[in-house]
PDB file of N, CA and C in Angstrom:
ATOM      1  N   UNK A   1      99.826  87.509  84.207  1.00  0.00           N
ATOM      2  CA  UNK A   1      99.157  88.214  83.134  1.00  0.00           C
ATOM      3  C   UNK A   1      97.962  87.381  82.675  1.00  0.00           C
ATOM      4  N   UNK A   2      96.878  88.057  82.411  1.00  0.00           N
ATOM      5  CA  UNK A   2      95.656  87.394  81.980  1.00  0.00           C
ATOM      6  C   UNK A   2      95.508  87.480  80.461  1.00  0.00           C
ATOM      7  N   UNK A   3      94.883  86.447  79.896  1.00  0.00           N
ATOM      8  CA  UNK A   3      94.566  86.474  78.472  1.00  0.00           C
ATOM      9  C   UNK A   3      93.519  87.563  78.239  1.00  0.00           C
ATOM     10  N   UNK A   4      93.698  88.398  77.254  1.00  0.00           N
ATOM     11  CA  UNK A   4      92.802  89.541  77.074  1.00  0.00           C
ATOM     12  C   UNK A   4      91.377  89.173  76.664  1.00  0.00           C
ATOM     13  N   UNK A   5      91.169  87.991  76.131  1.00  0.00           N
ATOM     14  CA  UNK A   5      89.835  87.617  75.651  1.00  0.00           C
ATOM     15  C   UNK A   5      89.070  86.731  76.627  1.00  0.00           C
ATOM     16  N   UNK A   6      89.588  86.575  77.835  1.00  0.00           N
ATOM     17  CA  UNK A   6      88.957  85.725  78.849  1.00  0.00           C
ATOM     18  C   UNK A   6      88.565  86.590  80.040  1.00  0.00           C
ATOM     19  N   UNK A   7      87.376  86.365  80.583  1.00  0.00           N
ATOM     20  CA  UNK A   7      86.963  87.041  81.812  1.00  0.00           C
ATOM     21  C   UNK A   7      87.324  86.160  83.002  1.00  0.00           C
ATOM     22  N   UNK A   8      87.810  86.765  84.066  1.00  0.00           N
ATOM     23  CA  UNK A   8      88.278  86.037  85.244  1.00  0.00           C
ATOM     24  C   UNK A   8      87.511  86.469  86.486  1.00  0.00           C
ATOM     25  N   UNK A   9      87.369  85.542  87.425  1.00  0.00           N
ATOM     26  CA  UNK A   9      86.843  85.861  88.748  1.00  0.00           C
ATOM     27  C   UNK A   9      87.837  85.305  89.761  1.00  0.00           C
ATOM     28  N   UNK A  10      88.285  86.154  90.641  1.00  0.00           N
ATOM     29  CA  UNK A  10      89.204  85.760  91.709  1.00  0.00           C
ATOM     30  C   UNK A  10      88.448  85.848  93.025  1.00  0.00           C
ATOM     31  N   UNK A  11      88.313  84.721  93.698  1.00  0.00           N
ATOM     32  CA  UNK A  11      87.637  84.697  94.991  1.00  0.00           C
ATOM     33  C   UNK A  11      88.690  84.379  96.039  1.00  0.00           C
ATOM     34  N   UNK A  12      88.884  85.305  96.959  1.00  0.00           N
ATOM     35  CA  UNK A  12      89.881  85.126  98.018  1.00  0.00           C
ATOM     36  C   UNK A  12      89.185  85.175  99.366  1.00  0.00           C
ATOM     37  N   UNK A  13      89.857  84.637 100.370  1.00  0.00           N
ATOM     38  CA  UNK A  13      89.311  84.660 101.722  1.00  0.00           C
ATOM     39  C   UNK A  13      90.375  85.142 102.698  1.00  0.00           C
ATOM     40  N   UNK A  14      89.968  85.997 103.599  1.00  0.00           N
ATOM     41  CA  UNK A  14      90.904  86.507 104.606  1.00  0.00           C
ATOM     42  C   UNK A  14      91.328  85.409 105.571  1.00  0.00           C
ATOM     43  N   UNK A  15      90.576  84.305 105.601  1.00  0.00           N
ATOM     44  CA  UNK A  15      90.875  83.196 106.511  1.00  0.00           C
ATOM     45  C   UNK A  15      91.847  82.187 105.903  1.00  0.00           C
ATOM     46  N   UNK A  16      92.357  82.456 104.714  1.00  0.00           N
ATOM     47  CA  UNK A  16      93.292  81.537 104.063  1.00  0.00           C
ATOM     48  C   UNK A  16      94.626  81.565 104.803  1.00  0.00           C
ATOM     49  N   UNK A  17      95.014  80.434 105.350  1.00  0.00           N
ATOM     50  CA  UNK A  17      96.296  80.351 106.060  1.00  0.00           C
ATOM     51  C   UNK A  17      97.392  79.755 105.179  1.00  0.00           C
ATOM     52  N   UNK A  18      97.047  79.345 103.965  1.00  0.00           N
ATOM     53  CA  UNK A  18      98.026  78.764 103.045  1.00  0.00           C
ATOM     54  C   UNK A  18      98.609  79.815 102.105  1.00  0.00           C
ATOM     55  N   UNK A  19      97.775  80.693 101.615  1.00  0.00           N
ATOM     56  CA  UNK A  19      98.216  81.749 100.702  1.00  0.00           C
ATOM     57  C   UNK A  19      98.231  83.050 101.491  1.00  0.00           C
ATOM     58  N   UNK A  20      99.417  83.574 101.708  1.00  0.00           N
ATOM     59  CA  UNK A  20      99.585  84.789 102.496  1.00  0.00           C
ATOM     60  C   UNK A  20     100.441  85.786 101.732  1.00  0.00           C
ATOM     61  N   UNK A  21     100.093  87.027 101.713  1.00  0.00           N
ATOM     62  CA  UNK A  21      98.833  87.546 102.216  1.00  0.00           C
ATOM     63  C   UNK A  21      97.697  87.153 101.271  1.00  0.00           C
ATOM     64  N   UNK A  22      96.496  87.122 101.793  1.00  0.00           N
ATOM     65  CA  UNK A  22      95.350  86.725 100.964  1.00  0.00           C
ATOM     66  C   UNK A  22      95.185  87.650  99.766  1.00  0.00           C
ATOM     67  N   UNK A  23      95.649  88.870  99.893  1.00  0.00           N
ATOM     68  CA  UNK A  23      95.512  89.845  98.807  1.00  0.00           C
ATOM     69  C   UNK A  23      96.359  89.482  97.585  1.00  0.00           C
ATOM     70  N   UNK A  24      97.253  88.499  97.728  1.00  0.00           N
ATOM     71  CA  UNK A  24      98.049  88.087  96.569  1.00  0.00           C
ATOM     72  C   UNK A  24      97.178  87.452  95.485  1.00  0.00           C
ATOM     73  N   UNK A  25      95.951  87.062  95.835  1.00  0.00           N
ATOM     74  CA  UNK A  25      95.025  86.507  94.852  1.00  0.00           C
ATOM     75  C   UNK A  25      94.198  87.555  94.145  1.00  0.00           C
ATOM     76  N   UNK A  26      94.391  88.805  94.498  1.00  0.00           N
ATOM     77  CA  UNK A  26      93.644  89.905  93.880  1.00  0.00           C
ATOM     78  C   UNK A  26      94.498  90.488  92.760  1.00  0.00           C
ATOM     79  N   UNK A  27      93.920  90.571  91.590  1.00  0.00           N
ATOM     80  CA  UNK A  27      94.645  91.077  90.435  1.00  0.00           C
ATOM     81  C   UNK A  27      93.910  92.268  89.829  1.00  0.00           C
ATOM     82  N   UNK A  28      94.672  93.264  89.478  1.00  0.00           N
ATOM     83  CA  UNK A  28      94.105  94.435  88.809  1.00  0.00           C
ATOM     84  C   UNK A  28      94.116  94.173  87.307  1.00  0.00           C
ATOM     85  N   UNK A  29      92.943  93.979  86.756  1.00  0.00           N
ATOM     86  CA  UNK A  29      92.805  93.780  85.312  1.00  0.00           C
ATOM     87  C   UNK A  29      91.382  94.155  84.920  1.00  0.00           C
ATOM     88  N   UNK A  30      91.234  94.701  83.746  1.00  0.00           N
ATOM     89  CA  UNK A  30      89.903  95.121  83.306  1.00  0.00           C
ATOM     90  C   UNK A  30      88.973  93.932  83.090  1.00  0.00           C
ATOM     91  N   UNK A  31      89.527  92.750  82.888  1.00  0.00           N
ATOM     92  CA  UNK A  31      88.713  91.559  82.656  1.00  0.00           C
ATOM     93  C   UNK A  31      88.713  90.616  83.863  1.00  0.00           C
ATOM     94  N   UNK A  32      88.979  91.174  85.049  1.00  0.00           N
ATOM     95  CA  UNK A  32      88.987  90.365  86.274  1.00  0.00           C
ATOM     96  C   UNK A  32      88.080  90.988  87.323  1.00  0.00           C
ATOM     97  N   UNK A  33      87.254  90.139  87.925  1.00  0.00           N
ATOM     98  CA  UNK A  33      86.438  90.554  89.069  1.00  0.00           C
ATOM     99  C   UNK A  33      87.065  89.934  90.307  1.00  0.00           C
ATOM    100  N   UNK A  34      87.365  90.751  91.293  1.00  0.00           N
ATOM    101  CA  UNK A  34      87.969  90.292  92.537  1.00  0.00           C
ATOM    102  C   UNK A  34      86.932  90.332  93.645  1.00  0.00           C
ATOM    103  N   UNK A  35      86.762  89.200  94.325  1.00  0.00           N
ATOM    104  CA  UNK A  35      85.783  89.107  95.405  1.00  0.00           C
ATOM    105  C   UNK A  35      86.478  88.597  96.659  1.00  0.00           C
ATOM    106  N   UNK A  36      86.325  89.336  97.754  1.00  0.00           N
ATOM    107  CA  UNK A  36      86.766  88.861  99.068  1.00  0.00           C
ATOM    108  C   UNK A  36      85.542  88.209  99.704  1.00  0.00           C
ATOM    109  N   UNK A  37      85.649  86.926  99.996  1.00  0.00           N
ATOM    110  CA  UNK A  37      84.507  86.152 100.481  1.00  0.00           C
ATOM    111  C   UNK A  37      83.815  86.819 101.661  1.00  0.00           C
ATOM    112  N   UNK A  38      84.588  87.344 102.591  1.00  0.00           N
ATOM    113  CA  UNK A  38      84.014  87.952 103.792  1.00  0.00           C
ATOM    114  C   UNK A  38      83.291  89.267 103.507  1.00  0.00           C
ATOM    115  N   UNK A  39      83.546  89.884 102.348  1.00  0.00           N
ATOM    116  CA  UNK A  39      82.766  91.061 101.947  1.00  0.00           C
ATOM    117  C   UNK A  39      81.350  90.654 101.549  1.00  0.00           C
ATOM    118  N   UNK A  40      81.196  89.446 101.050  1.00  0.00           N
ATOM    119  CA  UNK A  40      79.889  88.919 100.655  1.00  0.00           C
ATOM    120  C   UNK A  40      79.169  88.328 101.862  1.00  0.00           C
ATOM    121  N   UNK A  41      79.922  87.604 102.698  1.00  0.00           N
ATOM    122  CA  UNK A  41      79.340  86.905 103.849  1.00  0.00           C
ATOM    123  C   UNK A  41      80.330  86.962 105.015  1.00  0.00           C
ATOM    124  N   UNK A  42      80.218  87.962 105.872  1.00  0.00           N
ATOM    125  CA  UNK A  42      81.184  88.151 106.961  1.00  0.00           C
ATOM    126  C   UNK A  42      81.305  86.973 107.932  1.00  0.00           C
ATOM    127  N   UNK A  43      80.266  86.152 108.048  1.00  0.00           N
ATOM    128  CA  UNK A  43      80.336  85.024 108.993  1.00  0.00           C
ATOM    129  C   UNK A  43      80.947  83.775 108.363  1.00  0.00           C
ATOM    130  N   UNK A  44      81.256  83.838 107.071  1.00  0.00           N
ATOM    131  CA  UNK A  44      81.848  82.696 106.382  1.00  0.00           C
ATOM    132  C   UNK A  44      83.366  82.845 106.393  1.00  0.00           C
ATOM    133  N   UNK A  45      84.012  82.112 107.260  1.00  0.00           N
ATOM    134  CA  UNK A  45      85.469  82.181 107.378  1.00  0.00           C
ATOM    135  C   UNK A  45      86.111  80.935 106.779  1.00  0.00           C
ATOM    136  N   UNK A  46      85.700  80.594 105.562  1.00  0.00           N
ATOM    137  CA  UNK A  46      86.270  79.433 104.878  1.00  0.00           C
ATOM    138  C   UNK A  46      87.762  79.633 104.688  1.00  0.00           C
ATOM    139  N   UNK A  47      88.502  78.555 104.871  1.00  0.00           N
ATOM    140  CA  UNK A  47      89.939  78.575 104.655  1.00  0.00           C
ATOM    141  C   UNK A  47      90.291  78.080 103.264  1.00  0.00           C
ATOM    142  N   UNK A  48      91.565  77.833 103.054  1.00  0.00           N
ATOM    143  CA  UNK A  48      92.083  77.444 101.745  1.00  0.00           C
ATOM    144  C   UNK A  48      91.404  76.183 101.205  1.00  0.00           C
ATOM    145  N   UNK A  49      91.236  75.175 102.044  1.00  0.00           N
ATOM    146  CA  UNK A  49      90.614  73.927 101.591  1.00  0.00           C
ATOM    147  C   UNK A  49      89.098  74.017 101.526  1.00  0.00           C
ATOM    148  N   UNK A  50      88.498  74.659 102.489  1.00  0.00           N
ATOM    149  CA  UNK A  50      87.033  74.639 102.562  1.00  0.00           C
ATOM    150  C   UNK A  50      86.351  75.475 101.484  1.00  0.00           C
ATOM    151  N   UNK A  51      87.068  76.396 100.831  1.00  0.00           N
ATOM    152  CA  UNK A  51      86.419  77.146  99.753  1.00  0.00           C
ATOM    153  C   UNK A  51      86.014  76.231  98.605  1.00  0.00           C
ATOM    154  N   UNK A  52      86.689  75.088  98.472  1.00  0.00           N
ATOM    155  CA  UNK A  52      86.378  74.175  97.365  1.00  0.00           C
ATOM    156  C   UNK A  52      85.017  73.507  97.514  1.00  0.00           C
ATOM    157  N   UNK A  53      84.472  73.484  98.724  1.00  0.00           N
ATOM    158  CA  UNK A  53      83.165  72.855  98.956  1.00  0.00           C
ATOM    159  C   UNK A  53      82.167  73.835  99.571  1.00  0.00           C
ATOM    160  N   UNK A  54      82.480  75.099  99.546  1.00  0.00           N
ATOM    161  CA  UNK A  54      81.639  76.096 100.205  1.00  0.00           C
ATOM    162  C   UNK A  54      80.467  76.520  99.316  1.00  0.00           C
ATOM    163  N   UNK A  55      79.233  76.490  99.841  1.00  0.00           N
ATOM    164  CA  UNK A  55      78.060  76.876  99.043  1.00  0.00           C
ATOM    165  C   UNK A  55      78.070  78.336  98.578  1.00  0.00           C
ATOM    166  N   UNK A  56      78.621  79.222  99.386  1.00  0.00           N
ATOM    167  CA  UNK A  56      78.692  80.629  98.985  1.00  0.00           C
ATOM    168  C   UNK A  56      79.604  80.775  97.775  1.00  0.00           C
ATOM    169  N   UNK A  57      80.770  80.151  97.846  1.00  0.00           N
ATOM    170  CA  UNK A  57      81.724  80.205  96.734  1.00  0.00           C
ATOM    171  C   UNK A  57      81.129  79.542  95.493  1.00  0.00           C
ATOM    172  N   UNK A  58      80.462  78.412  95.678  1.00  0.00           N
ATOM    173  CA  UNK A  58      79.850  77.720  94.537  1.00  0.00           C
ATOM    174  C   UNK A  58      78.842  78.623  93.827  1.00  0.00           C
ATOM    175  N   UNK A  59      78.020  79.320  94.578  1.00  0.00           N
ATOM    176  CA  UNK A  59      77.032  80.217  93.971  1.00  0.00           C
ATOM    177  C   UNK A  59      77.711  81.375  93.242  1.00  0.00           C
ATOM    178  N   UNK A  60      78.778  81.914  93.815  1.00  0.00           N
ATOM    179  CA  UNK A  60      79.509  82.993  93.150  1.00  0.00           C
ATOM    180  C   UNK A  60      80.096  82.516  91.826  1.00  0.00           C
ATOM    181  N   UNK A  61      80.647  81.303  91.823  1.00  0.00           N
ATOM    182  CA  UNK A  61      81.222  80.743  90.596  1.00  0.00           C
ATOM    183  C   UNK A  61      80.125  80.492  89.561  1.00  0.00           C
ATOM    184  N   UNK A  62      79.016  79.895  89.982  1.00  0.00           N
ATOM    185  CA  UNK A  62      77.912  79.642  89.049  1.00  0.00           C
ATOM    186  C   UNK A  62      77.393  80.939  88.444  1.00  0.00           C
ATOM    187  N   UNK A  63      77.279  81.979  89.247  1.00  0.00           N
ATOM    188  CA  UNK A  63      76.817  83.272  88.733  1.00  0.00           C
ATOM    189  C   UNK A  63      77.819  83.877  87.758  1.00  0.00           C
ATOM    190  N   UNK A  64      79.106  83.658  88.006  1.00  0.00           N
ATOM    191  CA  UNK A  64      80.125  84.171  87.089  1.00  0.00           C
ATOM    192  C   UNK A  64      80.091  83.410  85.760  1.00  0.00           C
ATOM    193  N   UNK A  65      79.849  82.104  85.828  1.00  0.00           N
ATOM    194  CA  UNK A  65      79.804  81.296  84.610  1.00  0.00           C
ATOM    195  C   UNK A  65      78.543  81.543  83.792  1.00  0.00           C
ATOM    196  N   UNK A  66      77.450  81.865  84.470  1.00  0.00           N
ATOM    197  CA  UNK A  66      76.170  82.096  83.792  1.00  0.00           C
ATOM    198  C   UNK A  66      75.455  83.271  84.454  1.00  0.00           C
ATOM    199  N   UNK A  67      75.863  84.501  84.127  1.00  0.00           N
ATOM    200  CA  UNK A  67      75.297  85.679  84.793  1.00  0.00           C
ATOM    201  C   UNK A  67      73.781  85.796  84.673  1.00  0.00           C
ATOM    202  N   UNK A  68      73.196  85.232  83.650  1.00  0.00           N
ATOM    203  CA  UNK A  68      71.758  85.309  83.479  1.00  0.00           C
ATOM    204  C   UNK A  68      70.979  84.404  84.413  1.00  0.00           C
ATOM    205  N   UNK A  69      71.642  83.435  85.023  1.00  0.00           N
ATOM    206  CA  UNK A  69      70.955  82.462  85.878  1.00  0.00           C
ATOM    207  C   UNK A  69      70.613  83.038  87.244  1.00  0.00           C
ATOM    208  N   UNK A  70      71.436  83.909  87.765  1.00  0.00           N
ATOM    209  CA  UNK A  70      71.216  84.566  89.051  1.00  0.00           C
ATOM    210  C   UNK A  70      70.907  83.588  90.187  1.00  0.00           C
ATOM    211  N   UNK A  71      71.892  82.754  90.497  1.00  0.00           N
ATOM    212  CA  UNK A  71      71.762  81.829  91.625  1.00  0.00           C
ATOM    213  C   UNK A  71      71.823  82.616  92.929  1.00  0.00           C
ATOM    214  N   UNK A  72      70.933  82.342  93.885  1.00  0.00           N
ATOM    215  CA  UNK A  72      71.021  83.023  95.183  1.00  0.00           C
ATOM    216  C   UNK A  72      72.328  82.652  95.880  1.00  0.00           C
ATOM    217  N   UNK A  73      72.943  83.631  96.510  1.00  0.00           N
ATOM    218  CA  UNK A  73      74.213  83.401  97.208  1.00  0.00           C
ATOM    219  C   UNK A  73      73.919  83.253  98.695  1.00  0.00           C
ATOM    220  N   UNK A  74      74.070  82.034  99.219  1.00  0.00           N
ATOM    221  CA  UNK A  74      73.793  81.822 100.640  1.00  0.00           C
ATOM    222  C   UNK A  74      74.895  82.414 101.511  1.00  0.00           C
ATOM    223  N   UNK A  75      74.544  82.712 102.733  1.00  0.00           N
ATOM    224  CA  UNK A  75      75.526  83.212 103.694  1.00  0.00           C
ATOM    225  C   UNK A  75      75.381  82.401 104.974  1.00  0.00           C
ATOM    226  N   UNK A  76      76.398  81.589 105.250  1.00  0.00           N
ATOM    227  CA  UNK A  76      76.383  80.730 106.435  1.00  0.00           C
ATOM    228  C   UNK A  76      77.818  80.524 106.892  1.00  0.00           C
ATOM    229  N   UNK A  77      78.008  80.163 108.156  1.00  0.00           N
ATOM    230  CA  UNK A  77      79.363  79.868 108.627  1.00  0.00           C
ATOM    231  C   UNK A  77      79.997  78.753 107.801  1.00  0.00           C
ATOM    232  N   UNK A  78      81.308  78.799 107.678  1.00  0.00           N
ATOM    233  CA  UNK A  78      82.049  77.794 106.916  1.00  0.00           C
ATOM    234  C   UNK A  78      81.915  76.419 107.550  1.00  0.00           C
ATOM    235  N   UNK A  79      81.929  75.411 106.701  1.00  0.00           N
ATOM    236  CA  UNK A  79      81.923  74.019 107.145  1.00  0.00           C
ATOM    237  C   UNK A  79      83.247  73.390 106.731  1.00  0.00           C
ATOM    238  N   UNK A  80      83.770  72.511 107.557  1.00  0.00           N
ATOM    239  CA  UNK A  80      85.004  71.809 107.204  1.00  0.00           C
ATOM    240  C   UNK A  80      84.723  70.838 106.064  1.00  0.00           C
ATOM    241  N   UNK A  81      85.651  70.711 105.112  1.00  0.00           N
ATOM    242  CA  UNK A  81      85.457  69.742 104.036  1.00  0.00           C
ATOM    243  C   UNK A  81      85.407  68.323 104.597  1.00  0.00           C
ATOM    244  N   UNK A  82      84.715  67.417 103.911  1.00  0.00           N
ATOM    245  CA  UNK A  82      84.671  66.027 104.374  1.00  0.00           C
ATOM    246  C   UNK A  82      86.076  65.445 104.510  1.00  0.00           C
ATOM    247  N   UNK A  83      86.309  64.718 105.569  1.00  0.00           N
ATOM    248  CA  UNK A  83      87.594  64.072 105.783  1.00  0.00           C
ATOM    249  C   UNK A  83      88.661  64.948 106.397  1.00  0.00           C
ATOM    250  N   UNK A  84      88.320  66.182 106.722  1.00  0.00           N
ATOM    251  CA  UNK A  84      89.323  67.087 107.313  1.00  0.00           C
ATOM    252  C   UNK A  84      89.064  67.209 108.794  1.00  0.00           C
TER     253      UNK A  84
END
C-alpha cells in the first residue's frame, strides 16, 4: 500500500532475473507511475543490478523528481555495473 500523499515511480525491467515476474514491481495506484524500461528503450536490457547505474533509469528518476527540468532520456544498450 502506498502513502496517499506521496507520488511514486516504479521502474521495472523485463531483463530482471532476480525479481520474477518483473510485473510484480508494477502497482496500480492513482499516485504511481509504472515504467517498463524496455518500453522506453527496447535495446536497453539492464538487469536487476545494472539498473542502479543505468543512464536511462537515472534520467527517468531525475525527471520524476523534478518534472520541470526535463532531462533528456538516453537510449543505449545496458552496461554491466563496475566490478561485475
